[in-house]
Protein backbone atom coordinates (compact mmCIF):
# COMPACT_ATOMS: atom_id res chain seq x y z
CA UNK A 1 0.00 0.00 0.00
CA UNK A 2 1.11 3.50 -0.62
CA UNK A 3 -0.19 6.98 -0.56
CA UNK A 4 -0.29 8.43 -4.04
CA UNK A 5 2.29 11.15 -4.77
CA UNK A 6 0.78 14.58 -4.25
CA UNK A 7 -2.12 12.71 -2.71
CA UNK A 8 -4.47 13.42 0.16
CA UNK A 9 -3.50 12.50 3.72
CA UNK A 10 -5.06 9.16 4.64
CA UNK A 11 -6.01 8.17 1.09
CA UNK A 12 -4.32 4.87 0.27
CA UNK A 13 -3.96 3.27 -3.14
CA UNK A 14 -3.19 -0.44 -3.32
CA UNK A 15 -2.03 -1.61 -6.76
CA UNK A 16 -3.53 -5.02 -7.46
CA UNK A 17 -1.61 -7.88 -9.08
CA UNK A 18 -3.21 -10.06 -11.72
CA UNK A 19 -2.33 -13.75 -11.73
CA UNK A 20 -2.87 -14.78 -15.35
CA UNK A 21 -2.96 -18.05 -17.23
CA UNK A 22 -4.61 -19.37 -20.41
CA UNK A 23 -8.04 -19.43 -18.69
CA UNK A 24 -8.08 -15.78 -17.61
CA UNK A 25 -6.89 -14.12 -14.42
CA UNK A 26 -7.34 -14.01 -10.67
CA UNK A 27 -7.19 -10.72 -8.78
CA UNK A 28 -7.03 -10.49 -4.98
CA UNK A 29 -8.76 -7.23 -4.08
CA UNK A 30 -8.97 -7.03 -0.27
CA UNK A 31 -7.39 -9.25 2.37
CA UNK A 32 -7.76 -9.29 6.14
CA UNK A 33 -3.98 -8.93 6.50
CA UNK A 34 -4.05 -5.68 4.46
CA UNK A 35 -5.19 -4.00 7.70
CA UNK A 36 -7.24 -1.45 5.74
CA UNK A 37 -10.57 -1.82 7.53
CA UNK A 38 -10.97 -0.76 11.15
CA UNK A 39 -14.14 -2.86 10.96
CA UNK A 40 -16.35 -4.33 8.25
CA UNK A 41 -19.72 -2.76 7.59
CA UNK A 42 -21.01 -3.55 4.13
CA UNK A 43 -20.06 -4.34 0.53
CA UNK A 44 -22.11 -2.77 -2.25
CA UNK A 45 -21.92 -3.02 -6.05
CA UNK A 46 -23.09 -0.31 -8.42
CA UNK A 47 -23.20 -0.16 -12.22
CA UNK A 48 -22.94 3.27 -13.86
CA UNK A 49 -23.49 3.98 -17.55
CA UNK A 50 -21.04 5.70 -19.95
CA UNK A 51 -20.78 9.46 -19.63
CA UNK A 52 -22.29 9.58 -16.14
CA UNK A 53 -20.68 11.58 -13.32
CA UNK A 54 -21.53 10.50 -9.77
CA UNK A 55 -20.23 13.17 -7.43
CA UNK A 56 -19.76 14.43 -4.74
CA UNK A 57 -20.49 13.02 -1.31
CA UNK A 58 -18.51 12.44 1.88
CA UNK A 59 -18.86 10.70 5.23
CA UNK A 60 -18.31 11.81 8.83
CA UNK A 61 -17.63 8.32 10.24
CA UNK A 62 -17.06 5.64 7.63
CA UNK A 63 -14.14 4.77 5.39
CA UNK A 64 -14.90 3.68 1.81
CA UNK A 65 -12.72 1.19 -0.06
CA UNK A 66 -13.39 1.39 -3.81
CA UNK A 67 -12.61 -1.18 -6.49
CA UNK A 68 -13.56 -0.53 -10.13
CA UNK A 69 -14.15 -4.07 -11.43
CA UNK A 70 -15.49 -3.19 -14.90
CA UNK A 71 -14.85 -0.29 -17.25
CA UNK A 72 -12.66 2.74 -16.62
CA UNK A 73 -13.24 5.65 -14.24
CA UNK A 74 -11.73 8.95 -13.25
CA UNK A 75 -12.00 9.05 -9.46
CA UNK A 76 -11.80 12.51 -7.91
CA UNK A 77 -11.15 13.08 -4.20
CA UNK A 78 -11.13 16.40 -2.32
CA UNK A 79 -9.94 16.85 1.27
CA UNK A 80 -12.55 18.75 3.31
CA UNK A 81 -10.90 18.11 6.71
CA UNK A 82 -9.78 21.43 8.20
CA UNK A 83 -7.26 19.75 10.51
CA UNK A 84 -5.63 17.78 7.65
CA UNK A 85 -2.22 18.77 6.26
CA UNK A 86 -3.75 18.27 2.79
CA UNK A 87 -6.92 20.30 3.46
CA UNK A 88 -8.28 21.70 0.19
CA UNK A 89 -6.23 19.36 -2.01
CA UNK A 90 -7.83 17.51 -4.91
CA UNK A 91 -6.52 14.12 -6.03
CA UNK A 92 -7.38 12.44 -9.34
CA UNK A 93 -6.94 8.68 -9.74
CA UNK A 94 -7.62 6.67 -12.88
CA UNK A 95 -8.84 3.17 -12.05
CA UNK A 96 -10.49 0.29 -13.84
CA UNK A 97 -9.96 -2.91 -15.74
CA UNK A 98 -6.67 -1.70 -17.21
CA UNK A 99 -5.45 -0.19 -13.94
CA UNK A 100 -6.76 -2.35 -11.07
CA UNK A 101 -6.50 -0.49 -7.77
CA UNK A 102 -8.09 -0.51 -4.34
CA UNK A 103 -8.67 3.07 -3.14
CA UNK A 104 -9.14 3.77 0.58
CA UNK A 105 -11.10 6.98 1.20
CA UNK A 106 -11.14 8.27 4.80
CA UNK A 107 -13.97 10.22 6.46
CA UNK A 108 -14.00 13.90 5.52
CA UNK A 109 -12.75 13.33 1.98
CA UNK A 110 -15.33 14.10 -0.71
CA UNK A 111 -15.39 11.58 -3.52
CA UNK A 112 -16.95 10.96 -6.89
CA UNK A 113 -16.21 9.50 -10.29
CA UNK A 114 -16.81 9.82 -14.00
CA UNK A 115 -17.30 6.89 -16.35
CA UNK A 116 -14.74 7.03 -19.16
CA UNK A 117 -15.15 5.37 -22.56
CA UNK A 118 -18.19 3.53 -23.89
CA UNK A 119 -18.42 0.73 -21.32
CA UNK A 120 -20.32 0.93 -18.00
CA UNK A 121 -18.35 1.08 -14.75
CA UNK A 122 -18.94 -1.64 -12.21
CA UNK A 123 -17.81 -0.40 -8.79
CA UNK A 124 -17.57 -2.46 -5.61
CA UNK A 125 -17.30 -0.43 -2.46
CA UNK A 126 -16.62 -1.80 0.96
CA UNK A 127 -17.47 0.41 3.93
CA UNK A 128 -16.62 0.31 7.61
CA UNK A 129 -20.27 0.88 8.55
CA UNK A 130 -23.55 -0.49 7.22
CA UNK A 131 -25.87 2.02 5.57
CA UNK A 132 -28.63 3.18 7.90
CA UNK A 133 -31.44 5.00 6.04
CA UNK A 134 -32.69 6.45 9.35
CA UNK A 135 -29.28 8.02 10.03
CA UNK A 136 -27.27 8.10 6.78
CA UNK A 137 -23.60 9.02 7.14
CA UNK A 138 -23.57 10.88 3.85
CA UNK A 139 -23.27 14.55 3.01
CA UNK A 140 -23.80 15.76 -0.57
CA UNK A 141 -22.00 18.48 -2.51
CA UNK A 142 -22.96 19.56 -6.08
CA UNK A 143 -20.99 17.57 -8.67
CA UNK A 144 -19.34 20.68 -10.12
CA UNK A 145 -18.49 22.49 -6.86
CA UNK A 146 -15.01 21.01 -6.37
CA UNK A 147 -13.81 19.93 -9.82
CA UNK A 148 -14.04 20.90 -13.49
CA UNK A 149 -15.13 17.60 -15.07
CA UNK A 150 -14.95 19.03 -18.60
CA UNK A 151 -11.20 19.67 -18.57
CA UNK A 152 -8.71 16.84 -18.90
CA UNK A 153 -6.90 17.71 -15.67
CA UNK A 154 -9.90 19.10 -13.85
CA UNK A 155 -8.43 22.61 -13.60
C-alpha atoms as a PDB file:
ATOM      1  CA  UNK A   1       0.000   0.000   0.000  1.00  0.00           C
ATOM      2  CA  UNK A   2       1.110   3.499  -0.618  1.00  0.00           C
ATOM      3  CA  UNK A   3      -0.190   6.984  -0.556  1.00  0.00           C
ATOM      4  CA  UNK A   4      -0.286   8.431  -4.043  1.00  0.00           C
ATOM      5  CA  UNK A   5       2.292  11.146  -4.771  1.00  0.00           C
ATOM      6  CA  UNK A   6       0.780  14.577  -4.245  1.00  0.00           C
ATOM      7  CA  UNK A   7      -2.124  12.715  -2.709  1.00  0.00           C
ATOM      8  CA  UNK A   8      -4.467  13.419   0.163  1.00  0.00           C
ATOM      9  CA  UNK A   9      -3.504  12.501   3.721  1.00  0.00           C
ATOM     10  CA  UNK A  10      -5.057   9.160   4.645  1.00  0.00           C
ATOM     11  CA  UNK A  11      -6.008   8.171   1.094  1.00  0.00           C
ATOM     12  CA  UNK A  12      -4.322   4.871   0.265  1.00  0.00           C
ATOM     13  CA  UNK A  13      -3.963   3.271  -3.140  1.00  0.00           C
ATOM     14  CA  UNK A  14      -3.194  -0.443  -3.325  1.00  0.00           C
ATOM     15  CA  UNK A  15      -2.033  -1.609  -6.763  1.00  0.00           C
ATOM     16  CA  UNK A  16      -3.532  -5.025  -7.460  1.00  0.00           C
ATOM     17  CA  UNK A  17      -1.609  -7.881  -9.081  1.00  0.00           C
ATOM     18  CA  UNK A  18      -3.206 -10.058 -11.724  1.00  0.00           C
ATOM     19  CA  UNK A  19      -2.328 -13.751 -11.727  1.00  0.00           C
ATOM     20  CA  UNK A  20      -2.869 -14.781 -15.354  1.00  0.00           C
ATOM     21  CA  UNK A  21      -2.957 -18.048 -17.234  1.00  0.00           C
ATOM     22  CA  UNK A  22      -4.609 -19.370 -20.407  1.00  0.00           C
ATOM     23  CA  UNK A  23      -8.035 -19.433 -18.691  1.00  0.00           C
ATOM     24  CA  UNK A  24      -8.084 -15.784 -17.607  1.00  0.00           C
ATOM     25  CA  UNK A  25      -6.885 -14.125 -14.420  1.00  0.00           C
ATOM     26  CA  UNK A  26      -7.340 -14.007 -10.671  1.00  0.00           C
ATOM     27  CA  UNK A  27      -7.190 -10.717  -8.783  1.00  0.00           C
ATOM     28  CA  UNK A  28      -7.035 -10.491  -4.984  1.00  0.00           C
ATOM     29  CA  UNK A  29      -8.762  -7.231  -4.076  1.00  0.00           C
ATOM     30  CA  UNK A  30      -8.975  -7.025  -0.269  1.00  0.00           C
ATOM     31  CA  UNK A  31      -7.388  -9.253   2.367  1.00  0.00           C
ATOM     32  CA  UNK A  32      -7.756  -9.294   6.142  1.00  0.00           C
ATOM     33  CA  UNK A  33      -3.975  -8.925   6.497  1.00  0.00           C
ATOM     34  CA  UNK A  34      -4.046  -5.679   4.461  1.00  0.00           C
ATOM     35  CA  UNK A  35      -5.186  -4.000   7.704  1.00  0.00           C
ATOM     36  CA  UNK A  36      -7.239  -1.451   5.737  1.00  0.00           C
ATOM     37  CA  UNK A  37     -10.572  -1.820   7.525  1.00  0.00           C
ATOM     38  CA  UNK A  38     -10.973  -0.756  11.149  1.00  0.00           C
ATOM     39  CA  UNK A  39     -14.142  -2.858  10.965  1.00  0.00           C
ATOM     40  CA  UNK A  40     -16.347  -4.331   8.255  1.00  0.00           C
ATOM     41  CA  UNK A  41     -19.721  -2.758   7.591  1.00  0.00           C
ATOM     42  CA  UNK A  42     -21.008  -3.552   4.132  1.00  0.00           C
ATOM     43  CA  UNK A  43     -20.060  -4.344   0.529  1.00  0.00           C
ATOM     44  CA  UNK A  44     -22.107  -2.771  -2.252  1.00  0.00           C
ATOM     45  CA  UNK A  45     -21.923  -3.023  -6.052  1.00  0.00           C
ATOM     46  CA  UNK A  46     -23.094  -0.305  -8.415  1.00  0.00           C
ATOM     47  CA  UNK A  47     -23.197  -0.159 -12.223  1.00  0.00           C
ATOM     48  CA  UNK A  48     -22.939   3.270 -13.863  1.00  0.00           C
ATOM     49  CA  UNK A  49     -23.489   3.977 -17.554  1.00  0.00           C
ATOM     50  CA  UNK A  50     -21.036   5.695 -19.949  1.00  0.00           C
ATOM     51  CA  UNK A  51     -20.779   9.457 -19.628  1.00  0.00           C
ATOM     52  CA  UNK A  52     -22.292   9.583 -16.136  1.00  0.00           C
ATOM     53  CA  UNK A  53     -20.677  11.578 -13.320  1.00  0.00           C
ATOM     54  CA  UNK A  54     -21.534  10.501  -9.773  1.00  0.00           C
ATOM     55  CA  UNK A  55     -20.232  13.173  -7.431  1.00  0.00           C
ATOM     56  CA  UNK A  56     -19.762  14.431  -4.739  1.00  0.00           C
ATOM     57  CA  UNK A  57     -20.488  13.022  -1.306  1.00  0.00           C
ATOM     58  CA  UNK A  58     -18.513  12.444   1.875  1.00  0.00           C
ATOM     59  CA  UNK A  59     -18.857  10.699   5.228  1.00  0.00           C
ATOM     60  CA  UNK A  60     -18.312  11.807   8.827  1.00  0.00           C
ATOM     61  CA  UNK A  61     -17.632   8.321  10.237  1.00  0.00           C
ATOM     62  CA  UNK A  62     -17.058   5.641   7.630  1.00  0.00           C
ATOM     63  CA  UNK A  63     -14.142   4.765   5.391  1.00  0.00           C
ATOM     64  CA  UNK A  64     -14.896   3.682   1.813  1.00  0.00           C
ATOM     65  CA  UNK A  65     -12.721   1.194  -0.064  1.00  0.00           C
ATOM     66  CA  UNK A  66     -13.394   1.391  -3.810  1.00  0.00           C
ATOM     67  CA  UNK A  67     -12.608  -1.181  -6.493  1.00  0.00           C
ATOM     68  CA  UNK A  68     -13.559  -0.534 -10.132  1.00  0.00           C
ATOM     69  CA  UNK A  69     -14.150  -4.068 -11.431  1.00  0.00           C
ATOM     70  CA  UNK A  70     -15.486  -3.189 -14.897  1.00  0.00           C
ATOM     71  CA  UNK A  71     -14.853  -0.295 -17.251  1.00  0.00           C
ATOM     72  CA  UNK A  72     -12.663   2.741 -16.617  1.00  0.00           C
ATOM     73  CA  UNK A  73     -13.237   5.652 -14.240  1.00  0.00           C
ATOM     74  CA  UNK A  74     -11.727   8.951 -13.253  1.00  0.00           C
ATOM     75  CA  UNK A  75     -12.002   9.047  -9.464  1.00  0.00           C
ATOM     76  CA  UNK A  76     -11.804  12.507  -7.907  1.00  0.00           C
ATOM     77  CA  UNK A  77     -11.154  13.080  -4.198  1.00  0.00           C
ATOM     78  CA  UNK A  78     -11.128  16.399  -2.316  1.00  0.00           C
ATOM     79  CA  UNK A  79      -9.944  16.850   1.275  1.00  0.00           C
ATOM     80  CA  UNK A  80     -12.552  18.751   3.312  1.00  0.00           C
ATOM     81  CA  UNK A  81     -10.901  18.107   6.712  1.00  0.00           C
ATOM     82  CA  UNK A  82      -9.781  21.431   8.196  1.00  0.00           C
ATOM     83  CA  UNK A  83      -7.255  19.747  10.507  1.00  0.00           C
ATOM     84  CA  UNK A  84      -5.631  17.779   7.654  1.00  0.00           C
ATOM     85  CA  UNK A  85      -2.225  18.775   6.258  1.00  0.00           C
ATOM     86  CA  UNK A  86      -3.746  18.273   2.790  1.00  0.00           C
ATOM     87  CA  UNK A  87      -6.923  20.303   3.462  1.00  0.00           C
ATOM     88  CA  UNK A  88      -8.285  21.700   0.193  1.00  0.00           C
ATOM     89  CA  UNK A  89      -6.225  19.361  -2.006  1.00  0.00           C
ATOM     90  CA  UNK A  90      -7.833  17.515  -4.913  1.00  0.00           C
ATOM     91  CA  UNK A  91      -6.520  14.122  -6.027  1.00  0.00           C
ATOM     92  CA  UNK A  92      -7.377  12.444  -9.343  1.00  0.00           C
ATOM     93  CA  UNK A  93      -6.941   8.681  -9.736  1.00  0.00           C
ATOM     94  CA  UNK A  94      -7.620   6.671 -12.875  1.00  0.00           C
ATOM     95  CA  UNK A  95      -8.837   3.166 -12.047  1.00  0.00           C
ATOM     96  CA  UNK A  96     -10.491   0.291 -13.840  1.00  0.00           C
ATOM     97  CA  UNK A  97      -9.961  -2.914 -15.740  1.00  0.00           C
ATOM     98  CA  UNK A  98      -6.675  -1.695 -17.205  1.00  0.00           C
ATOM     99  CA  UNK A  99      -5.449  -0.192 -13.941  1.00  0.00           C
ATOM    100  CA  UNK A 100      -6.756  -2.354 -11.072  1.00  0.00           C
ATOM    101  CA  UNK A 101      -6.502  -0.493  -7.773  1.00  0.00           C
ATOM    102  CA  UNK A 102      -8.091  -0.507  -4.343  1.00  0.00           C
ATOM    103  CA  UNK A 103      -8.674   3.065  -3.140  1.00  0.00           C
ATOM    104  CA  UNK A 104      -9.142   3.768   0.581  1.00  0.00           C
ATOM    105  CA  UNK A 105     -11.103   6.983   1.204  1.00  0.00           C
ATOM    106  CA  UNK A 106     -11.145   8.271   4.797  1.00  0.00           C
ATOM    107  CA  UNK A 107     -13.973  10.218   6.456  1.00  0.00           C
ATOM    108  CA  UNK A 108     -13.998  13.897   5.518  1.00  0.00           C
ATOM    109  CA  UNK A 109     -12.749  13.330   1.975  1.00  0.00           C
ATOM    110  CA  UNK A 110     -15.333  14.104  -0.705  1.00  0.00           C
ATOM    111  CA  UNK A 111     -15.388  11.581  -3.520  1.00  0.00           C
ATOM    112  CA  UNK A 112     -16.954  10.965  -6.892  1.00  0.00           C
ATOM    113  CA  UNK A 113     -16.212   9.499 -10.290  1.00  0.00           C
ATOM    114  CA  UNK A 114     -16.813   9.825 -13.995  1.00  0.00           C
ATOM    115  CA  UNK A 115     -17.304   6.892 -16.352  1.00  0.00           C
ATOM    116  CA  UNK A 116     -14.741   7.029 -19.164  1.00  0.00           C
ATOM    117  CA  UNK A 117     -15.152   5.373 -22.564  1.00  0.00           C
ATOM    118  CA  UNK A 118     -18.190   3.532 -23.886  1.00  0.00           C
ATOM    119  CA  UNK A 119     -18.415   0.734 -21.318  1.00  0.00           C
ATOM    120  CA  UNK A 120     -20.319   0.927 -18.002  1.00  0.00           C
ATOM    121  CA  UNK A 121     -18.345   1.083 -14.753  1.00  0.00           C
ATOM    122  CA  UNK A 122     -18.940  -1.645 -12.205  1.00  0.00           C
ATOM    123  CA  UNK A 123     -17.811  -0.401  -8.790  1.00  0.00           C
ATOM    124  CA  UNK A 124     -17.568  -2.460  -5.611  1.00  0.00           C
ATOM    125  CA  UNK A 125     -17.295  -0.430  -2.464  1.00  0.00           C
ATOM    126  CA  UNK A 126     -16.620  -1.795   0.957  1.00  0.00           C
ATOM    127  CA  UNK A 127     -17.472   0.411   3.932  1.00  0.00           C
ATOM    128  CA  UNK A 128     -16.618   0.309   7.609  1.00  0.00           C
ATOM    129  CA  UNK A 129     -20.272   0.882   8.549  1.00  0.00           C
ATOM    130  CA  UNK A 130     -23.550  -0.487   7.217  1.00  0.00           C
ATOM    131  CA  UNK A 131     -25.869   2.020   5.567  1.00  0.00           C
ATOM    132  CA  UNK A 132     -28.631   3.183   7.901  1.00  0.00           C
ATOM    133  CA  UNK A 133     -31.442   5.001   6.037  1.00  0.00           C
ATOM    134  CA  UNK A 134     -32.692   6.454   9.350  1.00  0.00           C
ATOM    135  CA  UNK A 135     -29.283   8.017  10.026  1.00  0.00           C
ATOM    136  CA  UNK A 136     -27.266   8.101   6.782  1.00  0.00           C
ATOM    137  CA  UNK A 137     -23.599   9.021   7.141  1.00  0.00           C
ATOM    138  CA  UNK A 138     -23.566  10.875   3.847  1.00  0.00           C
ATOM    139  CA  UNK A 139     -23.265  14.547   3.012  1.00  0.00           C
ATOM    140  CA  UNK A 140     -23.802  15.762  -0.571  1.00  0.00           C
ATOM    141  CA  UNK A 141     -21.998  18.481  -2.514  1.00  0.00           C
ATOM    142  CA  UNK A 142     -22.958  19.564  -6.080  1.00  0.00           C
ATOM    143  CA  UNK A 143     -20.995  17.572  -8.670  1.00  0.00           C
ATOM    144  CA  UNK A 144     -19.339  20.681 -10.119  1.00  0.00           C
ATOM    145  CA  UNK A 145     -18.494  22.493  -6.863  1.00  0.00           C
ATOM    146  CA  UNK A 146     -15.013  21.011  -6.369  1.00  0.00           C
ATOM    147  CA  UNK A 147     -13.814  19.932  -9.817  1.00  0.00           C
ATOM    148  CA  UNK A 148     -14.043  20.898 -13.494  1.00  0.00           C
ATOM    149  CA  UNK A 149     -15.128  17.599 -15.069  1.00  0.00           C
ATOM    150  CA  UNK A 150     -14.952  19.035 -18.598  1.00  0.00           C
ATOM    151  CA  UNK A 151     -11.202  19.670 -18.566  1.00  0.00           C
ATOM    152  CA  UNK A 152      -8.711  16.839 -18.900  1.00  0.00           C
ATOM    153  CA  UNK A 153      -6.896  17.709 -15.674  1.00  0.00           C
ATOM    154  CA  UNK A 154      -9.903  19.101 -13.845  1.00  0.00           C
ATOM    155  CA  UNK A 155      -8.431  22.615 -13.596  1.00  0.00           C
END
